[in-house]
Amino acid sequence: MADKFRVGLIQMACSPDAGENLNRAVDFVRQAAGRGAQVVCLPELFRTQYFCQREDAALFDLAETVPGPTTRRLAEAARAHRVAVIASVFERRASGIYHNTAAVLDADGALRGIYRKMHIPDDPLYYEKFYFTPGDLGFKAFAVTPGPAPDHAATLRIGVLICWDQWYPEAARLTALQGAQVLFYPTAIGWHPGEKEAFGAAQLDAWRTIQRSHAIASGVYVAAVNRVGHEHGNVLGKPAPGAGLEFWGHSFLCDPFGQIVAEAAAASEEILLGEVDLQKMEEVRRNWPFLRDRRIDSYGGICQRFLDAE
């Protein structure tokens, strides 16, 4: 059984044309597979510009079912190129119920399952609570069997969390405890242009640091997959008001001790490739046995909102 896998992280810019974005995503999958990737992850809500910069009920028309048009196209690409694909979709579950969802497609094109974003932000230009119902499937890990040939039988267990989820150690831990060997974070994060000079470097450092800490604490690989470009949320022919968002790129893969394996630039599109070595994961966990030494008998308070004084 293989103990090394190659992952491809698609750092892309998103145009106002949803069809063009999907076509480019399919082509990125093809290119990544051609360069040896076995698991390919696309950024959060890649089919459109980031539309949550305003609250507009008309934008619910962007949502689609899963399975649906986006997952069908990417399933064809997964099957054609023998790669597993992680695809972030604005999911229409039912009338009035919409989710920010990641679909996991295996190398045979089969839908292995979905993850619905659990933590939903509500910040200036990130008005996601208006659009997304919080996920109700919990934290999940999925087994995929990617490879260059139909008889390839090596299995990789992956977890998928989405953007705002990346700040929560509980989400990373519960996913890792289900056997996930890599945590993928499809992401759409960037700077408010007016804040970049004063706070930009610290914000980027915090984002990178919190995800590296998940890798260390649980002894897993972590892959963060961001978009790039300055967007005004131009969808359905209508941009959002204001200065827009400058997405900061810097997609990266880090190993189970938090060391950066590969990192993309801040402003350019890139197919970032990196190796996941399960033997290294085993070695790190043997020498830094954080999972062994957890005091599971003493963590009941973590399920409380806050531990108020008696």
Protein backbone atom coordinates (compact mmCIF):
# COMPACT_ATOMS: atom_id res chain seq x y z
CA MET A 1 0.00 0.00 0.00
CA ALA A 2 1.33 3.43 -0.91
CA ASP A 3 2.41 5.71 1.91
CA LYS A 4 3.06 8.81 -0.20
CA PHE A 5 0.47 10.90 -2.03
CA ARG A 6 0.76 14.07 -4.10
CA VAL A 7 -1.81 16.80 -3.56
CA GLY A 8 -2.59 19.72 -5.84
CA LEU A 9 -3.96 22.98 -4.45
CA ILE A 10 -5.61 25.25 -7.01
CA GLN A 11 -5.04 28.89 -6.16
CA MET A 12 -7.16 30.73 -8.70
CA ALA A 13 -8.74 34.08 -9.47
CA CYS A 14 -12.50 34.13 -10.06
CA SER A 15 -14.18 36.19 -12.77
CA PRO A 16 -17.79 37.45 -12.92
CA ASP A 17 -18.54 34.62 -15.40
CA ALA A 18 -19.56 31.43 -13.54
CA GLY A 19 -19.27 29.25 -16.63
CA GLU A 20 -15.75 30.47 -17.32
CA ASN A 21 -14.73 29.80 -13.71
CA LEU A 22 -16.01 26.23 -13.89
CA ASN A 23 -14.28 25.62 -17.22
CA ARG A 24 -11.02 26.93 -15.80
CA ALA A 25 -11.41 24.81 -12.65
CA VAL A 26 -11.85 21.69 -14.80
CA ASP A 27 -8.73 22.63 -16.75
CA PHE A 28 -6.78 23.23 -13.54
CA VAL A 29 -7.74 19.72 -12.41
CA ARG A 30 -6.45 18.37 -15.71
CA GLN A 31 -3.18 20.26 -15.39
CA ALA A 32 -2.66 19.25 -11.77
CA ALA A 33 -3.25 15.59 -12.61
CA GLY A 34 -0.79 15.89 -15.49
CA ARG A 35 1.83 17.08 -13.01
CA GLY A 36 1.26 14.11 -10.74
CA ALA A 37 -1.43 15.30 -8.32
CA GLN A 38 -3.63 12.54 -6.91
CA VAL A 39 -5.95 14.72 -4.80
CA VAL A 40 -6.91 18.18 -6.10
CA CYS A 41 -8.62 20.84 -3.99
CA LEU A 42 -10.29 23.98 -5.35
CA PRO A 43 -10.85 27.17 -3.32
CA GLU A 44 -14.06 28.07 -1.55
CA LEU A 45 -17.04 28.99 -3.77
CA PHE A 46 -14.76 29.16 -6.80
CA ARG A 47 -17.58 29.21 -9.35
CA THR A 48 -18.32 32.90 -8.73
CA GLN A 49 -16.70 35.93 -7.28
CA TYR A 50 -17.19 36.05 -3.52
CA PHE A 51 -20.81 37.17 -3.42
CA CYS A 52 -21.22 37.48 0.37
CA GLN A 53 -19.91 41.06 0.24
CA ARG A 54 -23.56 42.15 0.30
CA GLU A 55 -26.95 40.84 1.39
CA ASP A 56 -29.13 40.31 -1.67
CA ALA A 57 -31.89 37.70 -1.84
CA ALA A 58 -31.52 37.51 -5.63
CA LEU A 59 -28.13 35.84 -5.13
CA PHE A 60 -29.78 32.67 -3.84
CA ASP A 61 -30.28 31.97 -7.55
CA LEU A 62 -26.57 31.11 -7.66
CA ALA A 63 -27.13 27.99 -5.56
CA GLU A 64 -27.36 24.49 -7.02
CA THR A 65 -28.07 20.97 -5.85
CA VAL A 66 -25.43 18.40 -4.94
CA PRO A 67 -25.11 16.36 -7.09
CA GLY A 68 -25.61 19.08 -9.66
CA PRO A 69 -23.97 20.85 -12.60
CA THR A 70 -20.68 21.67 -10.87
CA THR A 71 -20.16 18.29 -9.25
CA ARG A 72 -21.10 16.46 -12.46
CA ARG A 73 -18.50 18.37 -14.49
CA LEU A 74 -15.81 17.82 -11.91
CA ALA A 75 -16.74 14.16 -11.48
CA GLU A 76 -16.11 13.70 -15.18
CA ALA A 77 -12.70 15.35 -14.79
CA ALA A 78 -11.90 13.24 -11.72
CA ARG A 79 -12.77 10.06 -13.59
CA ALA A 80 -10.92 11.06 -16.75
CA HIS A 81 -7.70 11.94 -14.91
CA ARG A 82 -7.92 9.42 -12.02
CA VAL A 83 -7.74 12.07 -9.29
CA ALA A 84 -9.87 12.78 -6.27
CA VAL A 85 -11.37 16.30 -6.31
CA ILE A 86 -12.62 18.52 -3.49
CA ALA A 87 -15.16 21.02 -4.81
CA SER A 88 -16.76 23.86 -2.84
CA VAL A 89 -20.37 24.55 -3.88
CA PHE A 90 -23.17 26.94 -2.88
CA GLU A 91 -25.69 24.18 -2.18
CA ARG A 92 -29.45 24.52 -2.55
CA ARG A 93 -30.77 21.86 -0.19
CA ALA A 94 -34.41 22.98 -0.23
CA SER A 95 -36.39 26.16 -0.64
CA GLY A 96 -35.00 28.55 1.95
CA ILE A 97 -32.23 26.18 3.07
CA TYR A 98 -28.80 26.80 1.56
CA HIS A 99 -25.37 25.61 2.64
CA ASN A 100 -21.71 26.31 1.97
CA THR A 101 -20.77 22.76 1.02
CA ALA A 102 -17.71 20.80 -0.03
CA ALA A 103 -18.20 17.72 -2.20
CA VAL A 104 -15.60 14.95 -2.17
CA LEU A 105 -15.30 13.19 -5.53
CA ASP A 106 -13.18 10.07 -5.82
CA ALA A 107 -10.92 9.10 -8.73
CA ASP A 108 -13.74 7.04 -10.27
CA GLY A 109 -16.01 10.11 -10.25
CA ALA A 110 -18.14 8.81 -7.38
CA LEU A 111 -19.41 11.27 -4.79
CA ARG A 112 -17.91 9.98 -1.54
CA GLY A 113 -19.84 12.48 0.54
CA ILE A 114 -20.31 16.13 1.43
CA TYR A 115 -19.31 18.39 4.28
CA ARG A 116 -21.44 21.42 5.14
CA LYS A 117 -19.62 24.38 6.67
CA MET A 118 -20.29 24.42 10.40
CA HIS A 119 -18.97 27.82 11.48
CA ILE A 120 -20.63 30.69 9.62
CA PRO A 121 -19.07 34.17 9.91
CA ASP A 122 -20.78 37.54 9.92
CA ASP A 123 -18.23 40.30 9.43
CA PRO A 124 -18.06 43.37 7.20
CA LEU A 125 -18.07 42.09 3.58
CA TYR A 126 -18.39 38.49 4.87
CA TYR A 127 -22.15 38.38 5.36
CA GLU A 128 -22.38 34.61 5.25
CA LYS A 129 -25.06 34.22 7.91
CA PHE A 130 -27.51 35.79 5.45
CA TYR A 131 -26.87 33.02 2.91
CA PHE A 132 -25.79 29.85 4.68
CA THR A 133 -27.55 27.57 7.12
CA PRO A 134 -24.98 26.10 9.53
CA GLY A 135 -23.95 22.56 8.65
CA ASP A 136 -25.79 19.69 10.33
CA LEU A 137 -23.66 16.74 9.24
CA GLY A 138 -20.94 17.24 11.84
CA PHE A 139 -17.25 16.82 11.16
CA LYS A 140 -16.35 14.05 8.75
CA ALA A 141 -13.47 12.16 7.19
CA PHE A 142 -13.63 10.50 3.77
CA ALA A 143 -11.62 7.64 2.28
CA VAL A 144 -10.46 8.21 -1.30
CA THR A 145 -8.41 5.93 -3.52
CA PRO A 146 -6.66 8.21 -6.02
CA GLY A 147 -4.10 6.97 -8.47
CA PRO A 148 -2.87 6.92 -12.03
CA ALA A 149 -4.41 3.53 -12.85
CA PRO A 150 -7.79 1.89 -12.23
CA ASP A 151 -6.19 -0.87 -10.15
CA HIS A 152 -4.48 1.55 -7.77
CA ALA A 153 -5.74 0.54 -4.33
CA ALA A 154 -3.98 2.88 -1.89
CA THR A 155 -6.40 4.75 0.34
CA LEU A 156 -5.96 8.21 1.79
CA ARG A 157 -8.29 9.46 4.49
CA ILE A 158 -9.04 13.16 4.16
CA GLY A 159 -11.02 15.68 6.14
CA VAL A 160 -12.59 18.79 4.65
CA LEU A 161 -13.38 21.97 6.56
CA ILE A 162 -14.20 25.35 5.03
CA CYS A 163 -12.62 28.78 5.60
CA TRP A 164 -14.01 30.14 8.90
CA ASP A 165 -13.82 26.58 10.25
CA GLN A 166 -10.04 26.92 10.08
CA TRP A 167 -9.94 29.07 13.21
CA TYR A 168 -11.52 26.40 15.43
CA PRO A 169 -9.27 23.75 17.05
CA GLU A 170 -12.33 21.67 17.94
CA ALA A 171 -13.20 21.20 14.26
CA ALA A 172 -9.67 20.12 13.34
CA ARG A 173 -9.41 17.76 16.31
CA LEU A 174 -12.76 16.04 15.76
CA THR A 175 -11.96 15.54 12.09
CA ALA A 176 -8.51 14.16 12.87
CA LEU A 177 -9.98 11.80 15.48
CA GLN A 178 -11.97 10.18 12.66
CA GLY A 179 -8.71 9.17 11.03
CA ALA A 180 -8.22 12.08 8.63
CA GLN A 181 -4.58 12.18 7.52
CA VAL A 182 -4.92 15.48 5.67
CA LEU A 183 -7.20 18.40 6.56
CA PHE A 184 -8.18 20.43 3.50
CA TYR A 185 -9.48 23.98 3.98
CA PRO A 186 -11.06 25.48 0.83
CA THR A 187 -10.87 29.19 1.59
CA ALA A 188 -11.82 32.69 0.47
CA ILE A 189 -9.99 35.06 2.78
CA GLY A 190 -8.36 38.42 2.21
CA TRP A 191 -7.86 41.97 3.31
CA HIS A 192 -10.20 44.90 3.50
CA PRO A 193 -8.08 47.31 1.40
CA GLY A 194 -8.35 50.07 3.99
CA GLU A 195 -7.00 47.81 6.74
CA LYS A 196 -4.19 46.11 4.88
CA GLU A 197 -1.40 48.55 5.70
CA ALA A 198 -2.08 48.55 9.44
CA PHE A 199 -3.22 44.99 10.06
CA GLY A 200 -2.52 42.93 6.95
CA ALA A 201 0.74 41.29 7.96
CA ALA A 202 -0.59 40.29 11.39
CA GLN A 203 -3.83 38.91 9.93
CA LEU A 204 -1.99 36.76 7.41
CA ASP A 205 0.42 35.52 10.08
CA ALA A 206 -2.45 34.58 12.40
CA TRP A 207 -4.21 32.70 9.59
CA ARG A 208 -1.10 30.72 8.77
CA THR A 209 -0.24 30.10 12.43
CA ILE A 210 -3.62 28.76 13.54
CA GLN A 211 -3.68 26.19 10.76
CA ARG A 212 -0.10 25.09 11.37
CA SER A 213 -1.09 24.61 15.01
CA HIS A 214 -3.87 22.19 13.98
CA ALA A 215 -1.28 20.14 12.11
CA ILE A 216 0.99 20.01 15.15
CA ALA A 217 -1.70 19.34 17.76
CA SER A 218 -3.22 16.42 15.86
CA GLY A 219 -0.22 15.16 13.89
CA VAL A 220 -1.81 15.61 10.46
CA TYR A 221 -1.08 17.38 7.20
CA VAL A 222 -3.00 20.63 6.62
CA ALA A 223 -3.75 22.13 3.20
CA ALA A 224 -5.20 25.64 2.93
CA VAL A 225 -6.47 26.58 -0.54
CA ASN A 226 -7.19 30.28 -1.08
CA ARG A 227 -8.17 32.42 -4.07
CA VAL A 228 -6.38 35.54 -5.37
CA GLY A 229 -7.44 38.83 -6.86
CA HIS A 230 -9.23 42.03 -5.89
CA GLU A 231 -12.97 41.35 -6.12
CA HIS A 232 -16.06 43.50 -5.81
CA GLY A 233 -18.43 40.54 -5.61
CA ASN A 234 -19.56 41.05 -9.19
CA VAL A 235 -22.22 38.37 -9.77
CA LEU A 236 -25.38 38.38 -11.86
CA GLY A 237 -24.08 41.56 -13.47
CA LYS A 238 -24.03 43.56 -10.25
CA PRO A 239 -20.97 44.38 -8.13
CA ALA A 240 -21.18 44.97 -4.40
CA PRO A 241 -20.71 48.55 -3.17
CA GLY A 242 -17.49 49.60 -1.52
CA ALA A 243 -13.79 48.92 -1.95
CA GLY A 244 -14.10 45.15 -2.32
CA LEU A 245 -11.77 42.49 -0.93
CA GLU A 246 -8.17 41.70 -1.84
CA PHE A 247 -7.77 37.93 -1.46
CA TRP A 248 -4.32 37.16 -0.16
CA GLY A 249 -3.47 33.83 -1.75
CA HIS A 250 -0.64 32.12 0.17
CA SER A 251 -2.20 28.67 -0.21
CA PHE A 252 0.03 26.18 1.56
CA LEU A 253 0.59 22.60 2.65
CA CYS A 254 2.22 21.89 6.00
CA ASP A 255 3.36 18.63 7.54
CA PRO A 256 2.35 17.03 10.88
CA PHE A 257 4.85 19.16 12.75
CA GLY A 258 3.67 22.38 11.16
CA GLN A 259 6.55 22.79 8.72
CA ILE A 260 5.62 24.36 5.41
CA VAL A 261 5.98 21.82 2.60
CA ALA A 262 4.88 24.19 -0.18
CA GLU A 263 3.41 27.69 -0.32
CA ALA A 264 2.00 29.82 -3.14
CA ALA A 265 2.52 33.51 -3.75
CA ALA A 266 0.22 36.31 -2.59
CA ALA A 267 -1.23 37.53 -5.85
CA SER A 268 -0.77 34.99 -8.65
CA GLU A 269 -2.68 31.93 -9.78
CA GLU A 270 -0.82 28.72 -9.11
CA ILE A 271 -1.15 24.96 -9.05
CA LEU A 272 0.66 24.21 -5.80
CA LEU A 273 1.94 20.65 -5.48
CA GLY A 274 3.10 18.95 -2.31
CA GLU A 275 3.74 15.48 -0.96
CA VAL A 276 1.88 13.81 1.89
CA ASP A 277 4.11 11.17 3.52
CA LEU A 278 2.17 8.90 5.87
CA GLN A 279 5.40 7.45 7.27
CA LYS A 280 6.39 10.93 8.39
CA MET A 281 3.01 11.28 10.06
CA GLU A 282 3.64 8.01 11.90
CA GLU A 283 7.09 9.18 12.99
CA VAL A 284 5.84 12.52 14.29
CA ARG A 285 3.02 10.92 16.27
CA ARG A 286 5.39 8.38 17.84
CA ASN A 287 7.79 11.08 19.03
CA TRP A 288 5.21 13.74 19.92
CA PRO A 289 2.26 11.61 21.15
CA PHE A 290 -0.25 14.37 21.78
CA LEU A 291 -3.20 12.10 21.00
CA ARG A 292 -1.97 9.49 23.48
CA ASP A 293 -1.64 11.98 26.32
CA ARG A 294 -4.98 13.72 25.94
CA ARG A 295 -6.98 13.76 29.20
CA ILE A 296 -10.33 12.85 27.71
CA ASP A 297 -11.76 12.40 31.22
CA SER A 298 -11.27 16.11 31.92
CA TYR A 299 -12.54 17.94 28.85
CA GLY A 300 -16.28 18.08 29.54
CA GLY A 301 -16.20 21.84 29.81
CA ILE A 302 -15.31 22.22 26.14
CA CYS A 303 -18.98 21.59 25.34
CA GLN A 304 -20.03 24.72 27.25
CA ARG A 305 -20.28 28.17 25.67
CA PHE A 306 -18.32 29.65 28.57
CA LEU A 307 -17.46 28.36 32.04
CA ASP A 308 -19.27 30.92 34.15
CA ALA A 309 -18.33 31.26 37.81
CA GLU A 310 -20.51 29.29 40.21
